[in-house]
PDB file of N, CA and C in Angstrom:
ATOM      1  N   MET A   1      16.851 -19.937  52.613  1.00  0.00           N
ATOM      2  CA  MET A   1      16.599 -21.497  52.194  1.00  0.00           C
ATOM      3  C   MET A   1      18.011 -22.231  52.081  1.00  0.00           C
ATOM      4  N   LYS A   2      18.283 -23.599  52.207  1.00  0.00           N
ATOM      5  CA  LYS A   2      19.378 -24.250  51.997  1.00  0.00           C
ATOM      6  C   LYS A   2      19.097 -24.975  50.519  1.00  0.00           C
ATOM      7  N   TYR A   3      20.507 -25.227  49.787  1.00  0.00           N
ATOM      8  CA  TYR A   3      20.426 -26.020  48.862  1.00  0.00           C
ATOM      9  C   TYR A   3      21.508 -27.006  48.937  1.00  0.00           C
ATOM     10  N   VAL A   4      21.261 -28.010  48.105  1.00  0.00           N
ATOM     11  CA  VAL A   4      22.526 -28.963  47.754  1.00  0.00           C
ATOM     12  C   VAL A   4      22.327 -29.070  46.351  1.00  0.00           C
ATOM     13  N   SER A   5      23.612 -28.512  45.970  1.00  0.00           N
ATOM     14  CA  SER A   5      24.011 -28.558  44.699  1.00  0.00           C
ATOM     15  C   SER A   5      25.013 -29.620  44.329  1.00  0.00           C
ATOM     16  N   THR A   6      24.686 -30.417  43.309  1.00  0.00           N
ATOM     17  CA  THR A   6      25.751 -31.564  42.666  1.00  0.00           C
ATOM     18  C   THR A   6      26.360 -31.207  41.483  1.00  0.00           C
ATOM     19  N   TRP A   7      27.346 -31.365  41.138  1.00  0.00           N
ATOM     20  CA  TRP A   7      28.068 -30.979  39.678  1.00  0.00           C
ATOM     21  C   TRP A   7      28.962 -32.390  39.390  1.00  0.00           C
ATOM     22  N   ALA A   8      28.988 -32.648  38.082  1.00  0.00           N
ATOM     23  CA  ALA A   8      29.903 -33.202  37.126  1.00  0.00           C
ATOM     24  C   ALA A   8      30.553 -32.622  36.136  1.00  0.00           C
ATOM     25  N   ALA A   9      31.625 -32.694  35.772  1.00  0.00           N
ATOM     26  CA  ALA A   9      32.012 -32.054  34.630  1.00  0.00           C
ATOM     27  C   ALA A   9      31.651 -32.831  33.249  1.00  0.00           C
ATOM     28  N   LEU A  10      30.964 -32.272  32.240  1.00  0.00           N
ATOM     29  CA  LEU A  10      30.925 -32.891  30.996  1.00  0.00           C
ATOM     30  C   LEU A  10      31.846 -33.520  30.167  1.00  0.00           C
ATOM     31  N   PRO A  11      31.481 -34.399  29.312  1.00  0.00           N
ATOM     32  CA  PRO A  11      32.775 -35.151  28.680  1.00  0.00           C
ATOM     33  C   PRO A  11      33.586 -34.197  28.031  1.00  0.00           C
ATOM     34  N   GLY A  12      34.860 -34.299  28.401  1.00  0.00           N
ATOM     35  CA  GLY A  12      35.759 -33.124  27.613  1.00  0.00           C
ATOM     36  C   GLY A  12      36.259 -31.727  28.175  1.00  0.00           C
ATOM     37  N   ALA A  13      35.387 -31.713  29.102  1.00  0.00           N
ATOM     38  CA  ALA A  13      35.372 -30.415  29.784  1.00  0.00           C
ATOM     39  C   ALA A  13      35.992 -30.077  30.919  1.00  0.00           C
ATOM     40  N   THR A  14      36.530 -31.048  31.945  1.00  0.00           N
ATOM     41  CA  THR A  14      37.247 -31.033  32.847  1.00  0.00           C
ATOM     42  C   THR A  14      38.584 -29.795  33.051  1.00  0.00           C
ATOM     43  N   ALA A  15      39.127 -29.915  31.911  1.00  0.00           N
ATOM     44  CA  ALA A  15      40.554 -29.108  31.923  1.00  0.00           C
ATOM     45  C   ALA A  15      39.888 -27.568  31.963  1.00  0.00           C
ATOM     46  N   GLU A  16      38.834 -27.080  31.233  1.00  0.00           N
ATOM     47  CA  GLU A  16      38.182 -26.109  31.221  1.00  0.00           C
ATOM     48  C   GLU A  16      37.758 -25.670  32.702  1.00  0.00           C
ATOM     49  N   CYS A  17      36.807 -26.498  33.241  1.00  0.00           N
ATOM     50  CA  CYS A  17      36.193 -26.315  34.335  1.00  0.00           C
ATOM     51  C   CYS A  17      37.312 -26.143  35.681  1.00  0.00           C
ATOM     52  N   VAL A  18      38.569 -26.811  35.475  1.00  0.00           N
ATOM     53  CA  VAL A  18      39.483 -26.444  36.468  1.00  0.00           C
ATOM     54  C   VAL A  18      40.252 -25.177  36.492  1.00  0.00           C
ATOM     55  N   GLU A  19      40.339 -24.864  34.942  1.00  0.00           N
ATOM     56  CA  GLU A  19      40.933 -23.642  34.657  1.00  0.00           C
ATOM     57  C   GLU A  19      39.967 -22.374  35.301  1.00  0.00           C
ATOM     58  N   LYS A  20      38.851 -22.618  34.949  1.00  0.00           N
ATOM     59  CA  LYS A  20      37.721 -21.602  35.518  1.00  0.00           C
ATOM     60  C   LYS A  20      37.656 -21.287  37.045  1.00  0.00           C
ATOM     61  N   PHE A  21      37.729 -22.606  37.571  1.00  0.00           N
ATOM     62  CA  PHE A  21      37.696 -22.850  38.891  1.00  0.00           C
ATOM     63  C   PHE A  21      38.862 -22.198  39.620  1.00  0.00           C
ATOM     64  N   LEU A  22      40.286 -22.365  38.905  1.00  0.00           N
ATOM     65  CA  LEU A  22      41.210 -21.790  39.467  1.00  0.00           C
ATOM     66  C   LEU A  22      41.493 -20.226  39.363  1.00  0.00           C
ATOM     67  N   ALA A  23      40.544 -19.867  38.527  1.00  0.00           N
ATOM     68  CA  ALA A  23      40.864 -18.287  38.140  1.00  0.00           C
ATOM     69  C   ALA A  23      39.648 -17.616  39.087  1.00  0.00           C
ATOM     70  N   GLY A  24      39.046 -18.416  40.041  1.00  0.00           N
ATOM     71  CA  GLY A  24      38.105 -17.718  40.880  1.00  0.00           C
ATOM     72  C   GLY A  24      36.627 -17.410  40.576  1.00  0.00           C
ATOM     73  N   GLU A  25      36.589 -18.026  39.320  1.00  0.00           N
ATOM     74  CA  GLU A  25      35.088 -18.134  38.683  1.00  0.00           C
ATOM     75  C   GLU A  25      33.912 -18.831  39.528  1.00  0.00           C
ATOM     76  N   ALA A  26      34.362 -19.641  40.714  1.00  0.00           N
ATOM     77  CA  ALA A  26      33.644 -20.276  41.339  1.00  0.00           C
ATOM     78  C   ALA A  26      32.991 -19.652  42.793  1.00  0.00           C
ATOM     79  N   ALA A  27      33.035 -18.336  42.445  1.00  0.00           N
ATOM     80  CA  ALA A  27      32.326 -17.539  43.917  1.00  0.00           C
ATOM     81  C   ALA A  27      30.898 -17.223  43.436  1.00  0.00           C
ATOM     82  N   HIS A  28      30.285 -17.213  44.428  1.00  0.00           N
ATOM     83  CA  HIS A  28      28.635 -16.892  44.150  1.00  0.00           C
ATOM     84  C   HIS A  28      28.124 -15.835  44.370  1.00  0.00           C
ATOM     85  N   GLU A  29      27.278 -15.424  44.192  1.00  0.00           N
ATOM     86  CA  GLU A  29      26.736 -14.092  44.485  1.00  0.00           C
ATOM     87  C   GLU A  29      26.948 -13.412  46.091  1.00  0.00           C
ATOM     88  N   PRO A  30      26.901 -12.337  46.190  1.00  0.00           N
ATOM     89  CA  PRO A  30      27.072 -11.873  47.701  1.00  0.00           C
ATOM     90  C   PRO A  30      25.975 -12.281  48.503  1.00  0.00           C
ATOM     91  N   ASP A  31      24.868 -12.671  48.194  1.00  0.00           N
ATOM     92  CA  ASP A  31      23.852 -12.873  49.014  1.00  0.00           C
ATOM     93  C   ASP A  31      23.785 -14.668  49.087  1.00  0.00           C
ATOM     94  N   VAL A  32      24.730 -14.992  48.661  1.00  0.00           N
ATOM     95  CA  VAL A  32      24.665 -16.751  48.872  1.00  0.00           C
ATOM     96  C   VAL A  32      25.622 -17.037  50.137  1.00  0.00           C
ATOM     97  N   LYS A  33      25.425 -17.688  51.090  1.00  0.00           N
ATOM     98  CA  LYS A  33      26.424 -18.143  51.898  1.00  0.00           C
ATOM     99  C   LYS A  33      26.784 -19.754  51.622  1.00  0.00           C
ATOM    100  N   VAL A  34      27.976 -19.655  51.266  1.00  0.00           N
ATOM    101  CA  VAL A  34      28.553 -21.150  51.080  1.00  0.00           C
ATOM    102  C   VAL A  34      28.761 -21.908  52.237  1.00  0.00           C
ATOM    103  N   ILE A  35      28.194 -23.081  52.699  1.00  0.00           N
ATOM    104  CA  ILE A  35      28.543 -23.893  54.078  1.00  0.00           C
ATOM    105  C   ILE A  35      29.535 -24.559  53.756  1.00  0.00           C
ATOM    106  N   GLY A  36      29.416 -25.396  52.776  1.00  0.00           N
ATOM    107  CA  GLY A  36      30.450 -26.024  52.472  1.00  0.00           C
ATOM    108  C   GLY A  36      30.628 -26.738  50.894  1.00  0.00           C
ATOM    109  N   ARG A  37      31.703 -26.845  50.652  1.00  0.00           N
ATOM    110  CA  ARG A  37      31.817 -27.615  49.249  1.00  0.00           C
ATOM    111  C   ARG A  37      32.595 -28.713  49.120  1.00  0.00           C
ATOM    112  N   TRP A  38      32.429 -29.860  48.687  1.00  0.00           N
ATOM    113  CA  TRP A  38      33.136 -31.172  48.699  1.00  0.00           C
ATOM    114  C   TRP A  38      33.330 -31.622  47.304  1.00  0.00           C
ATOM    115  N   HIS A  39      34.594 -32.091  47.094  1.00  0.00           N
ATOM    116  CA  HIS A  39      35.121 -32.766  45.710  1.00  0.00           C
ATOM    117  C   HIS A  39      35.198 -34.076  45.999  1.00  0.00           C
ATOM    118  N   LYS A  40      34.559 -34.956  44.899  1.00  0.00           N
ATOM    119  CA  LYS A  40      34.772 -36.419  44.912  1.00  0.00           C
ATOM    120  C   LYS A  40      36.286 -36.658  44.718  1.00  0.00           C
ATOM    121  N   VAL A  41      36.583 -37.750  45.563  1.00  0.00           N
ATOM    122  CA  VAL A  41      38.269 -38.377  45.368  1.00  0.00           C
ATOM    123  C   VAL A  41      38.786 -38.652  43.990  1.00  0.00           C
ATOM    124  N   ASP A  42      37.542 -39.204  43.565  1.00  0.00           N
ATOM    125  CA  ASP A  42      37.901 -39.563  42.030  1.00  0.00           C
ATOM    126  C   ASP A  42      38.029 -38.536  40.768  1.00  0.00           C
ATOM    127  N   GLY A  43      37.587 -37.445  41.191  1.00  0.00           N
ATOM    128  CA  GLY A  43      37.701 -36.012  40.364  1.00  0.00           C
ATOM    129  C   GLY A  43      36.456 -36.102  39.606  1.00  0.00           C
ATOM    130  N   SER A  44      35.390 -36.829  39.705  1.00  0.00           N
ATOM    131  CA  SER A  44      34.199 -36.968  38.665  1.00  0.00           C
ATOM    132  C   SER A  44      33.290 -35.953  39.087  1.00  0.00           C
ATOM    133  N   GLY A  45      33.582 -35.101  40.257  1.00  0.00           N
ATOM    134  CA  GLY A  45      32.158 -34.105  40.583  1.00  0.00           C
ATOM    135  C   GLY A  45      32.254 -33.699  42.156  1.00  0.00           C
ATOM    136  N   GLY A  46      31.333 -33.276  42.267  1.00  0.00           N
ATOM    137  CA  GLY A  46      31.207 -32.786  43.789  1.00  0.00           C
ATOM    138  C   GLY A  46      29.851 -32.325  44.214  1.00  0.00           C
ATOM    139  N   PHE A  47      29.656 -31.909  45.584  1.00  0.00           N
ATOM    140  CA  PHE A  47      28.653 -31.372  46.044  1.00  0.00           C
ATOM    141  C   PHE A  47      28.886 -30.030  46.876  1.00  0.00           C
ATOM    142  N   ALA A  48      27.792 -29.125  46.897  1.00  0.00           N
ATOM    143  CA  ALA A  48      27.931 -27.876  47.932  1.00  0.00           C
ATOM    144  C   ALA A  48      26.856 -27.929  48.639  1.00  0.00           C
ATOM    145  N   VAL A  49      26.834 -27.214  49.883  1.00  0.00           N
ATOM    146  CA  VAL A  49      25.634 -26.905  50.560  1.00  0.00           C
ATOM    147  C   VAL A  49      25.839 -25.173  50.694  1.00  0.00           C
ATOM    148  N   SER A  50      24.402 -24.624  50.236  1.00  0.00           N
ATOM    149  CA  SER A  50      24.706 -23.133  50.357  1.00  0.00           C
ATOM    150  C   SER A  50      23.197 -22.683  50.992  1.00  0.00           C
ATOM    151  N   GLU A  51      23.313 -21.418  51.300  1.00  0.00           N
ATOM    152  CA  GLU A  51      22.156 -21.040  51.820  1.00  0.00           C
ATOM    153  C   GLU A  51      21.564 -19.484  51.406  1.00  0.00           C
ATOM    154  N   THR A  52      20.824 -19.038  50.862  1.00  0.00           N
ATOM    155  CA  THR A  52      20.247 -17.886  50.559  1.00  0.00           C
ATOM    156  C   THR A  52      18.647 -17.759  50.397  1.00  0.00           C
ATOM    157  N   ASP A  53      17.997 -16.597  50.471  1.00  0.00           N
ATOM    158  CA  ASP A  53      16.779 -16.430  50.415  1.00  0.00           C
ATOM    159  C   ASP A  53      16.503 -15.996  49.035  1.00  0.00           C
ATOM    160  N   ASN A  54      17.267 -15.820  47.988  1.00  0.00           N
ATOM    161  CA  ASN A  54      17.371 -15.576  46.892  1.00  0.00           C
ATOM    162  C   ASN A  54      17.482 -16.535  45.781  1.00  0.00           C
ATOM    163  N   PRO A  55      16.698 -17.554  45.417  1.00  0.00           N
ATOM    164  CA  PRO A  55      16.761 -18.704  44.508  1.00  0.00           C
ATOM    165  C   PRO A  55      17.501 -18.355  43.003  1.00  0.00           C
ATOM    166  N   LEU A  56      17.199 -16.751  42.648  1.00  0.00           N
ATOM    167  CA  LEU A  56      17.830 -16.444  41.337  1.00  0.00           C
ATOM    168  C   LEU A  56      19.307 -16.516  41.445  1.00  0.00           C
ATOM    169  N   SER A  57      20.055 -16.151  42.671  1.00  0.00           N
ATOM    170  CA  SER A  57      21.265 -16.292  42.726  1.00  0.00           C
ATOM    171  C   SER A  57      21.757 -17.710  42.544  1.00  0.00           C
ATOM    172  N   ILE A  58      21.187 -18.714  42.850  1.00  0.00           N
ATOM    173  CA  ILE A  58      21.668 -20.148  42.930  1.00  0.00           C
ATOM    174  C   ILE A  58      21.569 -20.415  41.368  1.00  0.00           C
ATOM    175  N   TYR A  59      20.258 -19.669  40.530  1.00  0.00           N
ATOM    176  CA  TYR A  59      20.026 -20.138  39.087  1.00  0.00           C
ATOM    177  C   TYR A  59      21.398 -19.318  38.492  1.00  0.00           C
ATOM    178  N   LYS A  60      21.510 -17.982  38.993  1.00  0.00           N
ATOM    179  CA  LYS A  60      22.609 -17.486  38.097  1.00  0.00           C
ATOM    180  C   LYS A  60      24.187 -18.426  38.191  1.00  0.00           C
ATOM    181  N   PHE A  61      24.233 -19.001  39.179  1.00  0.00           N
ATOM    182  CA  PHE A  61      25.531 -19.530  39.341  1.00  0.00           C
ATOM    183  C   PHE A  61      25.467 -20.656  38.449  1.00  0.00           C
ATOM    184  N   ALA A  62      24.457 -21.508  38.365  1.00  0.00           N
ATOM    185  CA  ALA A  62      24.116 -22.755  37.817  1.00  0.00           C
ATOM    186  C   ALA A  62      24.225 -22.517  36.182  1.00  0.00           C
ATOM    187  N   ALA A  63      23.646 -21.341  35.937  1.00  0.00           N
ATOM    188  CA  ALA A  63      23.754 -20.880  34.609  1.00  0.00           C
ATOM    189  C   ALA A  63      25.196 -20.694  33.959  1.00  0.00           C
ATOM    190  N   LYS A  64      26.036 -20.097  34.939  1.00  0.00           N
ATOM    191  CA  LYS A  64      27.375 -19.893  34.395  1.00  0.00           C
ATOM    192  C   LYS A  64      28.371 -20.930  34.170  1.00  0.00           C
ATOM    193  N   TRP A  65      27.789 -22.231  34.656  1.00  0.00           N
ATOM    194  CA  TRP A  65      28.620 -23.412  34.599  1.00  0.00           C
ATOM    195  C   TRP A  65      27.884 -24.457  33.826  1.00  0.00           C
ATOM    196  N   ALA A  66      26.822 -24.036  33.080  1.00  0.00           N
ATOM    197  CA  ALA A  66      25.803 -25.010  32.323  1.00  0.00           C
ATOM    198  C   ALA A  66      26.517 -25.487  31.035  1.00  0.00           C
ATOM    199  N   ASP A  67      27.243 -24.882  30.685  1.00  0.00           N
ATOM    200  CA  ASP A  67      27.864 -25.396  29.252  1.00  0.00           C
ATOM    201  C   ASP A  67      28.962 -26.273  29.747  1.00  0.00           C
ATOM    202  N   LEU A  68      29.593 -26.256  30.781  1.00  0.00           N
ATOM    203  CA  LEU A  68      30.585 -27.250  31.047  1.00  0.00           C
ATOM    204  C   LEU A  68      30.359 -28.310  32.108  1.00  0.00           C
ATOM    205  N   MET A  69      29.223 -28.174  33.000  1.00  0.00           N
ATOM    206  CA  MET A  69      28.783 -29.328  33.853  1.00  0.00           C
ATOM    207  C   MET A  69      27.468 -29.771  33.805  1.00  0.00           C
ATOM    208  N   GLU A  70      27.095 -31.008  34.269  1.00  0.00           N
ATOM    209  CA  GLU A  70      25.766 -31.248  34.593  1.00  0.00           C
ATOM    210  C   GLU A  70      25.550 -30.888  36.072  1.00  0.00           C
ATOM    211  N   ILE A  71      24.484 -29.922  36.156  1.00  0.00           N
ATOM    212  CA  ILE A  71      24.459 -29.428  37.752  1.00  0.00           C
ATOM    213  C   ILE A  71      22.989 -29.891  38.097  1.00  0.00           C
ATOM    214  N   HIS A  72      22.954 -30.198  39.302  1.00  0.00           N
ATOM    215  CA  HIS A  72      21.471 -30.490  39.681  1.00  0.00           C
ATOM    216  C   HIS A  72      21.468 -29.599  41.315  1.00  0.00           C
ATOM    217  N   VAL A  73      20.392 -28.993  41.446  1.00  0.00           N
ATOM    218  CA  VAL A  73      20.255 -28.408  42.579  1.00  0.00           C
ATOM    219  C   VAL A  73      18.838 -28.643  43.389  1.00  0.00           C
ATOM    220  N   ASP A  74      18.879 -28.935  44.671  1.00  0.00           N
ATOM    221  CA  ASP A  74      17.649 -29.405  45.631  1.00  0.00           C
ATOM    222  C   ASP A  74      17.615 -28.438  46.645  1.00  0.00           C
ATOM    223  N   VAL A  75      16.367 -27.979  46.795  1.00  0.00           N
ATOM    224  CA  VAL A  75      15.971 -27.300  48.128  1.00  0.00           C
ATOM    225  C   VAL A  75      15.901 -28.332  49.141  1.00  0.00           C
ATOM    226  N   VAL A  76      16.503 -28.136  50.473  1.00  0.00           N
ATOM    227  CA  VAL A  76      16.802 -29.091  51.571  1.00  0.00           C
ATOM    228  C   VAL A  76      16.077 -28.288  52.725  1.00  0.00           C
ATOM    229  N   ILE A  77      15.690 -28.900  53.632  1.00  0.00           N
ATOM    230  CA  ILE A  77      15.138 -28.455  55.027  1.00  0.00           C
ATOM    231  C   ILE A  77      16.048 -29.319  56.036  1.00  0.00           C
ATOM    232  N   ASP A  78      16.201 -28.698  57.219  1.00  0.00           N
ATOM    233  CA  ASP A  78      16.447 -29.227  58.584  1.00  0.00           C
ATOM    234  C   ASP A  78      15.764 -30.247  58.852  1.00  0.00           C
ATOM    235  N   GLU A  79      16.466 -31.498  59.641  1.00  0.00           N
ATOM    236  CA  GLU A  79      15.665 -32.258  60.306  1.00  0.00           C
ATOM    237  C   GLU A  79      14.779 -32.100  61.244  1.00  0.00           C
ATOM    238  N   ALA A  80      15.179 -30.718  62.033  1.00  0.00           N
ATOM    239  CA  ALA A  80      14.383 -30.107  63.164  1.00  0.00           C
ATOM    240  C   ALA A  80      13.191 -29.596  62.420  1.00  0.00           C
ATOM    241  N   ASP A  81      12.940 -29.141  61.192  1.00  0.00           N
ATOM    242  CA  ASP A  81      12.023 -28.631  60.677  1.00  0.00           C
ATOM    243  C   ASP A  81      11.076 -29.914  59.979  1.00  0.00           C
ATOM    244  N   ALA A  82      11.822 -31.003  59.380  1.00  0.00           N
ATOM    245  CA  ALA A  82      11.184 -32.049  59.018  1.00  0.00           C
ATOM    246  C   ALA A  82      10.326 -33.331  60.136  1.00  0.00           C
ATOM    247  N   GLY A  83      11.236 -33.188  61.144  1.00  0.00           N
ATOM    248  CA  GLY A  83      10.558 -34.006  62.356  1.00  0.00           C
ATOM    249  C   GLY A  83       9.292 -33.757  62.833  1.00  0.00           C
ATOM    250  N   PRO A  84       8.770 -32.374  62.979  1.00  0.00           N
ATOM    251  CA  PRO A  84       7.425 -32.435  63.630  1.00  0.00           C
ATOM    252  C   PRO A  84       6.503 -32.520  62.099  1.00  0.00           C
ATOM    253  N   ILE A  85       6.736 -32.171  61.005  1.00  0.00           N
ATOM    254  CA  ILE A  85       5.809 -32.566  60.038  1.00  0.00           C
ATOM    255  C   ILE A  85       5.681 -34.167  59.837  1.00  0.00           C
ATOM    256  N   LEU A  86       6.807 -34.759  59.850  1.00  0.00           N
ATOM    257  CA  LEU A  86       6.504 -36.211  59.852  1.00  0.00           C
ATOM    258  C   LEU A  86       5.860 -36.745  60.591  1.00  0.00           C
ATOM    259  N   ALA A  87       6.077 -36.311  61.819  1.00  0.00           N
ATOM    260  CA  ALA A  87       5.274 -36.728  63.166  1.00  0.00           C
ATOM    261  C   ALA A  87       3.936 -36.645  63.076  1.00  0.00           C
ATOM    262  N   ALA A  88       3.500 -35.446  62.410  1.00  0.00           N
ATOM    263  CA  ALA A  88       2.176 -35.107  62.263  1.00  0.00           C
ATOM    264  C   ALA A  88       1.438 -36.035  61.239  1.00  0.00           C
ATOM    265  N   VAL A  89       2.096 -35.922  59.960  1.00  0.00           N
ATOM    266  CA  VAL A  89       1.648 -36.821  59.076  1.00  0.00           C
ATOM    267  C   VAL A  89       1.554 -38.353  59.105  1.00  0.00           C
ATOM    268  N   PHE A  90       2.437 -38.903  59.763  1.00  0.00           N
ATOM    269  CA  PHE A  90       2.474 -40.126  59.905  1.00  0.00           C
ATOM    270  C   PHE A  90       2.329 -41.041  61.144  1.00  0.00           C
ATOM    271  N   LYS A  91       1.773 -39.760  62.003  1.00  0.00           N
ATOM    272  CA  LYS A  91       1.307 -40.446  63.620  1.00  0.00           C
ATOM    273  C   LYS A  91       0.180 -41.580  63.377  1.00  0.00           C
ATOM    274  N   LYS A  92       0.404 -42.240  64.299  1.00  0.00           N
ATOM    275  CA  LYS A  92      -0.985 -43.405  64.237  1.00  0.00           C
ATOM    276  C   LYS A  92      -1.750 -43.514  65.283  1.00  0.00           C
TER     277      LYS A  92
END
C-alpha cells in the first residue's frame, strides 16, 4: 500500500525536530520504501510518499515524532486502480 504523510512541527518544536532529523532519526523501518520526501519552502512542514504492506511500520514512525509534530497519514491508490472503479460506479 502507498501512504501520503504530512507533517508540521508543533509550536516551539522546530529546533528539536531539526536536531532529530539531522541526527538520522527520520529513517523508516526496513520494510518501508520511501518514494520521496518534500519540505515546504517556508519551513512549516512537508509531506512524504511511502510504500509498505505493514501499516504498523507507518504507525511506529508517526508515534516516534508525535510529541514534536502534527502528523496525518492517508492510504492512497494509483489512478490506474481508481479509474476502473470510478468508471463502474459513475457509468451512466
